[in-house]
Amino acid sequence: MTTTSYNCTNDAQRAEGLAHAQKAIAAKQVIVMPTDTVYGIAADAFSPQAVATLLAAKGRGRNMPPPVLIPRIGTMEGLATEIPDDARKLAEKFWPGALTLIFHAQPTLTWDLGETQGTVALRVPDDQLALDLLTITGPLAVSSANRTGNAAAQTASEARVQLAESVEVYLEGGFRPLEGTDPAPSTIVDATGLRLRVVREGAISLAEIQRVIPSALGPEAEPEMWTPSNLSSEEPAPALDLTKKDDADTDADATKDSAGSSS
């Protein structure tokens, strides 16, 4: 693999970098991209091989599957099922932005993000370079661009120190967030229960969530489970376990089985 970095603050290199990143994603390779929180390592969400490469690059197992970044709110309709109206209200209020929503995944999708227990964590990042890339690649599995146990990278150069040649393309867009600003993780909201539940407070506070959805529960509350209509009564939804975290990451690697972090 030949690793290439692009300075995306330069228009010509930005265009070249996006084109190379698109080709790398199509070839089931991984890339590093900026988001509105930190830099992320990204792979085709629908390629088990690419997702396995992403997890291997981070030194992470299948028990901490990555969330999926999407370019627009409408994309969640094809990836999630039984989307509550309250979750739609949060998406409309806070996307693009530092909000990760956990849904029951569409059962017809042929993807393998890891041990998700039938869920998917979705987010629309508030970063134009990220959105431009997502528009040409489609949904990407994205985790923070660092080796597990290390600090999350705030530039592509920092990511390259940790991930080296395991990544095909590095898209450098400057500091994420601004230089001198500590990264704030996304807020993770579980939308698979009877009521929305904030799994982790991040850039968006519980109070802000409850101003939009007053019935939303805090992290200390017990989850209230329900069974999706696509499951029979003999197939109850699995119990939530959102206790696992990767303390090095700064956004949500969140599914029913994990609430670690990602870009």
Foldseek 3Di string as FASTA:
>chain_A
DAADEFACVDPVSLVVQLVVCLVCQVVLAWEWDQFQFAIKIKHQQQDQSSLVLRCVLQVHALLLFFAKEALAPVVVVQFAPPFDPLNVLVCVVAPQHQEKEKGQTDPPRRGRRGPQLRIHIYHHTPDVSVNVSCVSRPMIRIFFLAHQPAAGHQFLVVSCVGRPPSHRYYYGHAGNVHPPDHGWAGFYWYRQAPAIETCDDTPQGPVNSCVSVVPYHYNVDAGHHDADPVDDPVDRRDHADAPAERVNGHYASDHSSYGYHGD
